[in-house]
Amino acid sequence: MPKQNVSAALPPGNVLQFESEAGTVYQLTVFDAAGREVHYPGILSGNSLTFQGVDLALPGLGATSTMWVAATARSDAPAGNVSLVFNIGGSASNSSVISVTRP
């Protein structure tokens, strides 16, 4: 499979914010079926992170891989369930549900 451009967008309502990893770098981590982790640096623009040339590590039909970015709830975020939206090569998909809780 060719390398893809990937973006991750925050949900509306200023509930979450992206967190940098590896110092000041925003990154996408891809974990493939063989157990390899590959990190891609991203560019933050508004409420979206963009990553270029991502190898999704999908060698064939039925192969799976997992990807993630770091995000935290803002201090004023209400409790509830939200998700990020990933756009991979023009196809959008919601992330796993993120539960924001308050003490």
Protein backbone atom coordinates (compact mmCIF):
# COMPACT_ATOMS: atom_id res chain seq x y z
CA MET A 1 0.00 0.00 0.00
CA PRO A 2 1.40 3.44 -0.85
CA LYS A 3 2.23 5.94 1.83
CA GLN A 4 -0.66 8.14 2.87
CA ASN A 5 -1.25 11.64 4.16
CA VAL A 6 -3.07 11.48 7.50
CA SER A 7 -4.74 14.19 9.54
CA ALA A 8 -6.32 14.16 12.98
CA ALA A 9 -8.94 16.76 13.93
CA LEU A 10 -10.21 17.70 17.37
CA PRO A 11 -13.93 17.48 18.10
CA PRO A 12 -15.91 20.74 18.14
CA GLY A 13 -16.43 22.55 21.42
CA ASN A 14 -12.86 23.00 22.67
CA VAL A 15 -13.07 19.80 24.71
CA LEU A 16 -9.65 18.36 23.81
CA GLN A 17 -6.26 19.71 22.87
CA PHE A 18 -3.34 17.97 21.19
CA GLU A 19 -0.29 17.23 23.33
CA SER A 20 3.26 17.21 22.03
CA GLU A 21 5.40 14.14 22.54
CA ALA A 22 9.13 13.75 22.22
CA GLY A 23 9.78 17.31 23.40
CA THR A 24 7.89 19.81 21.31
CA VAL A 25 7.01 17.44 18.46
CA TYR A 26 3.43 16.40 17.74
CA GLN A 27 3.50 12.85 16.48
CA LEU A 28 1.43 10.06 15.04
CA THR A 29 2.37 6.57 16.20
CA VAL A 30 1.58 3.58 13.97
CA PHE A 31 1.69 0.12 15.59
CA ASP A 32 1.56 -2.64 13.01
CA ALA A 33 0.54 -6.31 13.23
CA ALA A 34 4.21 -7.32 13.55
CA GLY A 35 4.57 -5.24 16.72
CA ARG A 36 6.60 -2.42 15.23
CA GLU A 37 6.05 1.19 16.29
CA VAL A 38 6.84 3.98 13.86
CA HIS A 39 6.54 7.67 14.74
CA TYR A 40 5.73 10.45 12.26
CA PRO A 41 6.17 14.14 13.11
CA GLY A 42 3.15 16.32 12.49
CA ILE A 43 2.28 19.92 11.80
CA LEU A 44 -0.31 21.59 14.03
CA SER A 45 -2.66 24.00 12.29
CA GLY A 46 -5.63 25.22 14.32
CA ASN A 47 -7.55 22.16 15.52
CA SER A 48 -5.84 19.69 13.19
CA LEU A 49 -2.57 17.77 12.97
CA THR A 50 -1.23 16.74 9.57
CA PHE A 51 1.26 13.94 8.84
CA GLN A 52 2.78 13.20 5.45
CA GLY A 53 4.15 9.99 3.99
CA VAL A 54 2.65 7.64 6.57
CA ASP A 55 3.17 3.91 6.01
CA LEU A 56 0.07 2.27 7.47
CA ALA A 57 1.89 -1.09 7.50
CA LEU A 58 -0.94 -2.96 5.78
CA PRO A 59 0.76 -5.71 3.77
CA GLY A 60 -2.42 -7.30 2.43
CA LEU A 61 -6.14 -7.84 2.62
CA GLY A 62 -7.31 -8.25 6.21
CA ALA A 63 -4.17 -6.73 7.73
CA THR A 64 -4.67 -4.33 10.61
CA SER A 65 -2.64 -1.63 12.27
CA THR A 66 -3.34 0.84 15.05
CA MET A 67 -2.48 4.52 15.16
CA TRP A 68 -2.76 7.25 17.76
CA VAL A 69 -1.93 10.83 18.67
CA ALA A 70 -1.71 12.36 22.15
CA ALA A 71 -4.62 14.52 23.30
CA THR A 72 -5.81 15.72 26.70
CA ALA A 73 -9.00 17.28 28.00
CA ARG A 74 -8.90 21.03 28.45
CA SER A 75 -9.25 22.24 32.03
CA ASP A 76 -12.72 23.65 31.30
CA ALA A 77 -13.97 20.65 29.28
CA PRO A 78 -17.31 19.19 30.34
CA ALA A 79 -17.56 15.50 31.21
CA GLY A 80 -18.72 13.26 28.38
CA ASN A 81 -17.64 11.12 25.45
CA VAL A 82 -15.85 12.59 22.42
CA SER A 83 -13.65 11.35 19.59
CA LEU A 84 -11.08 12.66 17.15
CA VAL A 85 -11.61 12.40 13.41
CA PHE A 86 -8.82 10.82 11.37
CA ASN A 87 -8.66 11.46 7.65
CA ILE A 88 -6.58 8.90 5.78
CA GLY A 89 -6.10 9.36 2.07
CA GLY A 90 -9.46 11.14 1.75
CA SER A 91 -11.49 8.77 3.96
CA ALA A 92 -12.66 9.98 7.38
CA SER A 93 -12.98 7.75 10.45
CA ASN A 94 -13.69 8.50 14.11
CA SER A 95 -11.17 7.46 16.74
CA SER A 96 -12.03 5.24 19.66
CA VAL A 97 -14.28 6.98 22.17
CA ILE A 98 -12.48 9.24 24.63
CA SER A 99 -14.25 9.62 27.98
CA VAL A 100 -13.70 12.96 29.70
CA THR A 101 -14.32 12.66 33.43
CA ARG A 102 -14.27 15.17 36.25
CA PRO A 103 -13.32 14.42 39.87
